């Protein structure tokens, strides 16, 4: 009998996308900060780092498209 019976993982499409960008850990840090502080405005450092990561990913994708 398999130990995985009834524990199929439900995947969130947003989480899948963030994993592909390589920025998911930074996303989690933003979420953790917001949960701890209860105020997203106090998490601007984490938000900025996450945003920078996402911008780098977007630029990388654009350069791949432009090179074809």
PDB file of N, CA and C in Angstrom:
ATOM      1  N   UNK A   1       0.848  -1.181   0.000  1.00  0.00           N
ATOM      2  CA  UNK A   1       0.000   0.000   0.000  1.00  0.00           C
ATOM      3  C   UNK A   1       0.895   1.245   0.000  1.00  0.00           C
ATOM      4  N   UNK A   2       0.569   2.195  -0.833  1.00  0.00           N
ATOM      5  CA  UNK A   2       1.376   3.409  -0.977  1.00  0.00           C
ATOM      6  C   UNK A   2       1.094   4.404   0.147  1.00  0.00           C
ATOM      7  N   UNK A   3       2.144   5.060   0.600  1.00  0.00           N
ATOM      8  CA  UNK A   3       1.998   6.079   1.631  1.00  0.00           C
ATOM      9  C   UNK A   3       1.412   7.375   1.113  1.00  0.00           C
ATOM     10  N   UNK A   4       1.244   7.459  -0.214  1.00  0.00           N
ATOM     11  CA  UNK A   4       0.719   8.689  -0.812  1.00  0.00           C
ATOM     12  C   UNK A   4      -0.793   8.656  -1.005  1.00  0.00           C
ATOM     13  N   UNK A   5      -1.419   7.577  -0.633  1.00  0.00           N
ATOM     14  CA  UNK A   5      -2.856   7.427  -0.824  1.00  0.00           C
ATOM     15  C   UNK A   5      -3.623   8.569  -0.158  1.00  0.00           C
ATOM     16  N   UNK A   6      -4.404   9.291  -0.961  1.00  0.00           N
ATOM     17  CA  UNK A   6      -5.239  10.354  -0.427  1.00  0.00           C
ATOM     18  C   UNK A   6      -4.504  11.637  -0.088  1.00  0.00           C
ATOM     19  N   UNK A   7      -3.249  11.739  -0.454  1.00  0.00           N
ATOM     20  CA  UNK A   7      -2.499  12.961  -0.134  1.00  0.00           C
ATOM     21  C   UNK A   7      -1.980  13.633  -1.408  1.00  0.00           C
ATOM     22  N   UNK A   8      -2.769  13.547  -2.473  1.00  0.00           N
ATOM     23  CA  UNK A   8      -2.372  14.178  -3.720  1.00  0.00           C
ATOM     24  C   UNK A   8      -2.180  15.676  -3.504  1.00  0.00           C
ATOM     25  N   UNK A   9      -1.079  16.183  -3.976  1.00  0.00           N
ATOM     26  CA  UNK A   9      -0.778  17.603  -3.781  1.00  0.00           C
ATOM     27  C   UNK A   9      -1.589  18.451  -4.757  1.00  0.00           C
ATOM     28  N   UNK A  10      -2.236  19.459  -4.232  1.00  0.00           N
ATOM     29  CA  UNK A  10      -2.968  20.402  -5.068  1.00  0.00           C
ATOM     30  C   UNK A  10      -2.014  21.549  -5.368  1.00  0.00           C
ATOM     31  N   UNK A  11      -1.801  21.815  -6.642  1.00  0.00           N
ATOM     32  CA  UNK A  11      -0.848  22.856  -7.006  1.00  0.00           C
ATOM     33  C   UNK A  11      -1.567  24.132  -7.412  1.00  0.00           C
ATOM     34  N   UNK A  12      -1.079  25.209  -6.915  1.00  0.00           N
ATOM     35  CA  UNK A  12      -1.596  26.532  -7.211  1.00  0.00           C
ATOM     36  C   UNK A  12      -0.894  27.029  -8.468  1.00  0.00           C
ATOM     37  N   UNK A  13      -1.636  27.466  -9.489  1.00  0.00           N
ATOM     38  CA  UNK A  13      -1.003  27.935 -10.724  1.00  0.00           C
ATOM     39  C   UNK A  13      -0.070  29.133 -10.500  1.00  0.00           C
ATOM     40  N   UNK A  14      -0.403  29.994  -9.564  1.00  0.00           N
ATOM     41  CA  UNK A  14       0.467  31.141  -9.266  1.00  0.00           C
ATOM     42  C   UNK A  14       1.776  30.643  -8.663  1.00  0.00           C
ATOM     43  N   UNK A  15       1.676  29.678  -7.755  1.00  0.00           N
ATOM     44  CA  UNK A  15       2.874  29.114  -7.147  1.00  0.00           C
ATOM     45  C   UNK A  15       3.740  28.413  -8.196  1.00  0.00           C
ATOM     46  N   UNK A  16       3.128  27.715  -9.118  1.00  0.00           N
ATOM     47  CA  UNK A  16       3.875  27.061 -10.197  1.00  0.00           C
ATOM     48  C   UNK A  16       4.627  28.102 -11.030  1.00  0.00           C
ATOM     49  N   UNK A  17       3.953  29.202 -11.355  1.00  0.00           N
ATOM     50  CA  UNK A  17       4.579  30.255 -12.139  1.00  0.00           C
ATOM     51  C   UNK A  17       5.758  30.860 -11.385  1.00  0.00           C
ATOM     52  N   UNK A  18       5.584  31.106 -10.089  1.00  0.00           N
ATOM     53  CA  UNK A  18       6.654  31.691  -9.283  1.00  0.00           C
ATOM     54  C   UNK A  18       7.848  30.745  -9.178  1.00  0.00           C
ATOM     55  N   UNK A  19       7.605  29.458  -9.138  1.00  0.00           N
ATOM     56  CA  UNK A  19       8.701  28.490  -9.116  1.00  0.00           C
ATOM     57  C   UNK A  19       9.515  28.592 -10.401  1.00  0.00           C
ATOM     58  N   UNK A  20       8.833  28.774 -11.530  1.00  0.00           N
ATOM     59  CA  UNK A  20       9.540  28.893 -12.812  1.00  0.00           C
ATOM     60  C   UNK A  20      10.398  30.156 -12.873  1.00  0.00           C
ATOM     61  N   UNK A  21       9.981  31.207 -12.185  1.00  0.00           N
ATOM     62  CA  UNK A  21      10.746  32.456 -12.236  1.00  0.00           C
ATOM     63  C   UNK A  21      12.000  32.396 -11.382  1.00  0.00           C
ATOM     64  N   UNK A  22      12.011  31.497 -10.405  1.00  0.00           N
ATOM     65  CA  UNK A  22      13.135  31.441  -9.476  1.00  0.00           C
ATOM     66  C   UNK A  22      12.980  32.420  -8.325  1.00  0.00           C
ATOM     67  N   UNK A  23      11.822  33.051  -8.217  1.00  0.00           N
ATOM     68  CA  UNK A  23      11.587  34.086  -7.199  1.00  0.00           C
ATOM     69  C   UNK A  23      10.661  33.628  -6.083  1.00  0.00           C
ATOM     70  N   UNK A  24      10.338  32.350  -6.030  1.00  0.00           N
ATOM     71  CA  UNK A  24       9.329  31.891  -5.082  1.00  0.00           C
ATOM     72  C   UNK A  24       9.756  32.092  -3.631  1.00  0.00           C
ATOM     73  N   UNK A  25      11.035  31.884  -3.330  1.00  0.00           N
ATOM     74  CA  UNK A  25      11.483  32.070  -1.947  1.00  0.00           C
ATOM     75  C   UNK A  25      11.319  33.519  -1.504  1.00  0.00           C
ATOM     76  N   UNK A  26      11.562  34.440  -2.424  1.00  0.00           N
ATOM     77  CA  UNK A  26      11.380  35.859  -2.103  1.00  0.00           C
ATOM     78  C   UNK A  26       9.895  36.181  -1.912  1.00  0.00           C
ATOM     79  N   UNK A  27       9.052  35.540  -2.687  1.00  0.00           N
ATOM     80  CA  UNK A  27       7.599  35.694  -2.533  1.00  0.00           C
ATOM     81  C   UNK A  27       7.173  35.232  -1.141  1.00  0.00           C
ATOM     82  N   UNK A  28       7.723  34.093  -0.715  1.00  0.00           N
ATOM     83  CA  UNK A  28       7.405  33.587   0.622  1.00  0.00           C
ATOM     84  C   UNK A  28       7.870  34.562   1.706  1.00  0.00           C
ATOM     85  N   UNK A  29       9.014  35.196   1.491  1.00  0.00           N
ATOM     86  CA  UNK A  29       9.511  36.170   2.477  1.00  0.00           C
ATOM     87  C   UNK A  29       8.566  37.361   2.584  1.00  0.00           C
ATOM     88  N   UNK A  30       8.018  37.802   1.461  1.00  0.00           N
ATOM     89  CA  UNK A  30       7.035  38.891   1.492  1.00  0.00           C
ATOM     90  C   UNK A  30       5.808  38.441   2.278  1.00  0.00           C
ATOM     91  N   UNK A  31       5.324  37.248   1.980  1.00  0.00           N
ATOM     92  CA  UNK A  31       4.142  36.729   2.680  1.00  0.00           C
ATOM     93  C   UNK A  31       4.398  36.600   4.182  1.00  0.00           C
ATOM     94  N   UNK A  32       5.557  36.084   4.541  1.00  0.00           N
ATOM     95  CA  UNK A  32       5.890  35.930   5.959  1.00  0.00           C
ATOM     96  C   UNK A  32       5.940  37.277   6.667  1.00  0.00           C
ATOM     97  N   UNK A  33       6.542  38.266   6.016  1.00  0.00           N
ATOM     98  CA  UNK A  33       6.627  39.594   6.611  1.00  0.00           C
ATOM     99  C   UNK A  33       5.233  40.173   6.840  1.00  0.00           C
ATOM    100  N   UNK A  34       4.389  40.045   5.840  1.00  0.00           N
ATOM    101  CA  UNK A  34       3.028  40.575   5.969  1.00  0.00           C
ATOM    102  C   UNK A  34       2.278  39.851   7.086  1.00  0.00           C
ATOM    103  N   UNK A  35       2.466  38.540   7.184  1.00  0.00           N
ATOM    104  CA  UNK A  35       1.797  37.772   8.247  1.00  0.00           C
ATOM    105  C   UNK A  35       2.302  38.206   9.621  1.00  0.00           C
ATOM    106  N   UNK A  36       3.602  38.458   9.728  1.00  0.00           N
ATOM    107  CA  UNK A  36       4.189  38.839  11.018  1.00  0.00           C
ATOM    108  C   UNK A  36       3.818  40.270  11.424  1.00  0.00           C
ATOM    109  N   UNK A  37       3.862  41.187  10.469  1.00  0.00           N
ATOM    110  CA  UNK A  37       3.651  42.599  10.802  1.00  0.00           C
ATOM    111  C   UNK A  37       2.200  43.033  10.675  1.00  0.00           C
ATOM    112  N   UNK A  38       1.423  42.287   9.903  1.00  0.00           N
ATOM    113  CA  UNK A  38       0.027  42.650   9.599  1.00  0.00           C
ATOM    114  C   UNK A  38      -0.061  44.001   8.885  1.00  0.00           C
ATOM    115  N   UNK A  39       1.033  44.378   8.201  1.00  0.00           N
ATOM    116  CA  UNK A  39       1.064  45.664   7.499  1.00  0.00           C
ATOM    117  C   UNK A  39       2.051  45.568   6.343  1.00  0.00           C
ATOM    118  N   UNK A  40       1.521  45.475   5.119  1.00  0.00           N
ATOM    119  CA  UNK A  40       2.379  45.309   3.951  1.00  0.00           C
ATOM    120  C   UNK A  40       3.342  46.476   3.784  1.00  0.00           C
ATOM    121  N   UNK A  41       2.981  47.639   4.323  1.00  0.00           N
ATOM    122  CA  UNK A  41       3.852  48.815   4.177  1.00  0.00           C
ATOM    123  C   UNK A  41       5.168  48.641   4.923  1.00  0.00           C
ATOM    124  N   UNK A  42       5.179  47.790   5.931  1.00  0.00           N
ATOM    125  CA  UNK A  42       6.398  47.527   6.702  1.00  0.00           C
ATOM    126  C   UNK A  42       7.291  46.499   6.013  1.00  0.00           C
ATOM    127  N   UNK A  43       6.861  46.008   4.874  1.00  0.00           N
ATOM    128  CA  UNK A  43       7.578  44.940   4.176  1.00  0.00           C
ATOM    129  C   UNK A  43       8.156  45.419   2.839  1.00  0.00           C
ATOM    130  N   UNK A  44       8.368  46.711   2.712  1.00  0.00           N
ATOM    131  CA  UNK A  44       8.805  47.255   1.428  1.00  0.00           C
ATOM    132  C   UNK A  44      10.180  46.758   0.997  1.00  0.00           C
ATOM    133  N   UNK A  45      11.066  46.460   1.938  1.00  0.00           N
ATOM    134  CA  UNK A  45      12.373  45.903   1.566  1.00  0.00           C
ATOM    135  C   UNK A  45      12.186  44.560   0.863  1.00  0.00           C
ATOM    136  N   UNK A  46      11.367  43.698   1.444  1.00  0.00           N
ATOM    137  CA  UNK A  46      11.118  42.380   0.869  1.00  0.00           C
ATOM    138  C   UNK A  46      10.395  42.504  -0.471  1.00  0.00           C
ATOM    139  N   UNK A  47       9.442  43.430  -0.544  1.00  0.00           N
ATOM    140  CA  UNK A  47       8.697  43.646  -1.787  1.00  0.00           C
ATOM    141  C   UNK A  47       9.649  44.115  -2.890  1.00  0.00           C
ATOM    142  N   UNK A  48      10.551  45.022  -2.563  1.00  0.00           N
ATOM    143  CA  UNK A  48      11.493  45.545  -3.554  1.00  0.00           C
ATOM    144  C   UNK A  48      12.417  44.452  -4.083  1.00  0.00           C
ATOM    145  N   UNK A  49      12.899  43.598  -3.198  1.00  0.00           N
ATOM    146  CA  UNK A  49      13.786  42.510  -3.609  1.00  0.00           C
ATOM    147  C   UNK A  49      13.030  41.528  -4.508  1.00  0.00           C
ATOM    148  N   UNK A  50      11.788  41.212  -4.133  1.00  0.00           N
ATOM    149  CA  UNK A  50      10.960  40.321  -4.943  1.00  0.00           C
ATOM    150  C   UNK A  50      10.695  40.944  -6.311  1.00  0.00           C
ATOM    151  N   UNK A  51      10.369  42.219  -6.327  1.00  0.00           N
ATOM    152  CA  UNK A  51      10.085  42.921  -7.580  1.00  0.00           C
ATOM    153  C   UNK A  51      11.321  42.920  -8.491  1.00  0.00           C
ATOM    154  N   UNK A  52      12.487  43.134  -7.913  1.00  0.00           N
ATOM    155  CA  UNK A  52      13.730  43.117  -8.692  1.00  0.00           C
ATOM    156  C   UNK A  52      13.960  41.745  -9.323  1.00  0.00           C
ATOM    157  N   UNK A  53      13.707  40.703  -8.557  1.00  0.00           N
ATOM    158  CA  UNK A  53      13.850  39.340  -9.073  1.00  0.00           C
ATOM    159  C   UNK A  53      12.893  39.106 -10.244  1.00  0.00           C
ATOM    160  N   UNK A  54      11.655  39.520 -10.084  1.00  0.00           N
ATOM    161  CA  UNK A  54      10.666  39.334 -11.145  1.00  0.00           C
ATOM    162  C   UNK A  54      11.035  40.144 -12.386  1.00  0.00           C
ATOM    163  N   UNK A  55      11.520  41.361 -12.183  1.00  0.00           N
ATOM    164  CA  UNK A  55      11.937  42.183 -13.323  1.00  0.00           C
ATOM    165  C   UNK A  55      13.089  41.538 -14.086  1.00  0.00           C
ATOM    166  N   UNK A  56      14.038  40.954 -13.367  1.00  0.00           N
ATOM    167  CA  UNK A  56      15.152  40.250 -14.012  1.00  0.00           C
ATOM    168  C   UNK A  56      14.636  39.071 -14.823  1.00  0.00           C
ATOM    169  N   UNK A  57      13.681  38.352 -14.279  1.00  0.00           N
ATOM    170  CA  UNK A  57      13.103  37.214 -14.999  1.00  0.00           C
ATOM    171  C   UNK A  57      12.427  37.682 -16.287  1.00  0.00           C
ATOM    172  N   UNK A  58      11.648  38.752 -16.198  1.00  0.00           N
ATOM    173  CA  UNK A  58      10.945  39.282 -17.369  1.00  0.00           C
ATOM    174  C   UNK A  58      11.952  39.720 -18.434  1.00  0.00           C
ATOM    175  N   UNK A  59      12.993  40.415 -18.025  1.00  0.00           N
ATOM    176  CA  UNK A  59      14.013  40.860 -18.979  1.00  0.00           C
ATOM    177  C   UNK A  59      14.711  39.672 -19.638  1.00  0.00           C
ATOM    178  N   UNK A  60      14.975  38.642 -18.862  1.00  0.00           N
ATOM    179  CA  UNK A  60      15.600  37.437 -19.392  1.00  0.00           C
ATOM    180  C   UNK A  60      14.697  36.790 -20.443  1.00  0.00           C
ATOM    181  N   UNK A  61      13.404  36.743 -20.161  1.00  0.00           N
ATOM    182  CA  UNK A  61      12.460  36.168 -21.120  1.00  0.00           C
ATOM    183  C   UNK A  61      12.383  37.008 -22.384  1.00  0.00           C
ATOM    184  N   UNK A  62      12.384  38.320 -22.234  1.00  0.00           N
ATOM    185  CA  UNK A  62      12.340  39.214 -23.399  1.00  0.00           C
ATOM    186  C   UNK A  62      13.574  39.037 -24.275  1.00  0.00           C
ATOM    187  N   UNK A  63      14.737  38.897 -23.644  1.00  0.00           N
ATOM    188  CA  UNK A  63      15.957  38.740 -24.426  1.00  0.00           C
ATOM    189  C   UNK A  63      15.955  37.402 -25.171  1.00  0.00           C
ATOM    190  N   UNK A  64      15.361  36.371 -24.583  1.00  0.00           N
ATOM    191  CA  UNK A  64      15.238  35.086 -25.275  1.00  0.00           C
ATOM    192  C   UNK A  64      14.368  35.236 -26.502  1.00  0.00           C
ATOM    193  N   UNK A  65      13.259  35.965 -26.364  1.00  0.00           N
ATOM    194  CA  UNK A  65      12.334  36.168 -27.497  1.00  0.00           C
ATOM    195  C   UNK A  65      13.010  36.985 -28.583  1.00  0.00           C
ATOM    196  N   UNK A  66      13.732  38.038 -28.188  1.00  0.00           N
ATOM    197  CA  UNK A  66      14.381  38.903 -29.157  1.00  0.00           C
ATOM    198  C   UNK A  66      15.532  38.226 -29.881  1.00  0.00           C
ATOM    199  N   UNK A  67      16.087  37.174 -29.297  1.00  0.00           N
ATOM    200  CA  UNK A  67      17.204  36.466 -29.929  1.00  0.00           C
ATOM    201  C   UNK A  67      16.751  35.432 -30.951  1.00  0.00           C
ATOM    202  N   UNK A  68      15.457  35.196 -31.072  1.00  0.00           N
ATOM    203  CA  UNK A  68      14.965  34.225 -32.046  1.00  0.00           C
ATOM    204  C   UNK A  68      14.696  34.849 -33.359  1.00  0.00           C
TER     205      UNK A  68
END
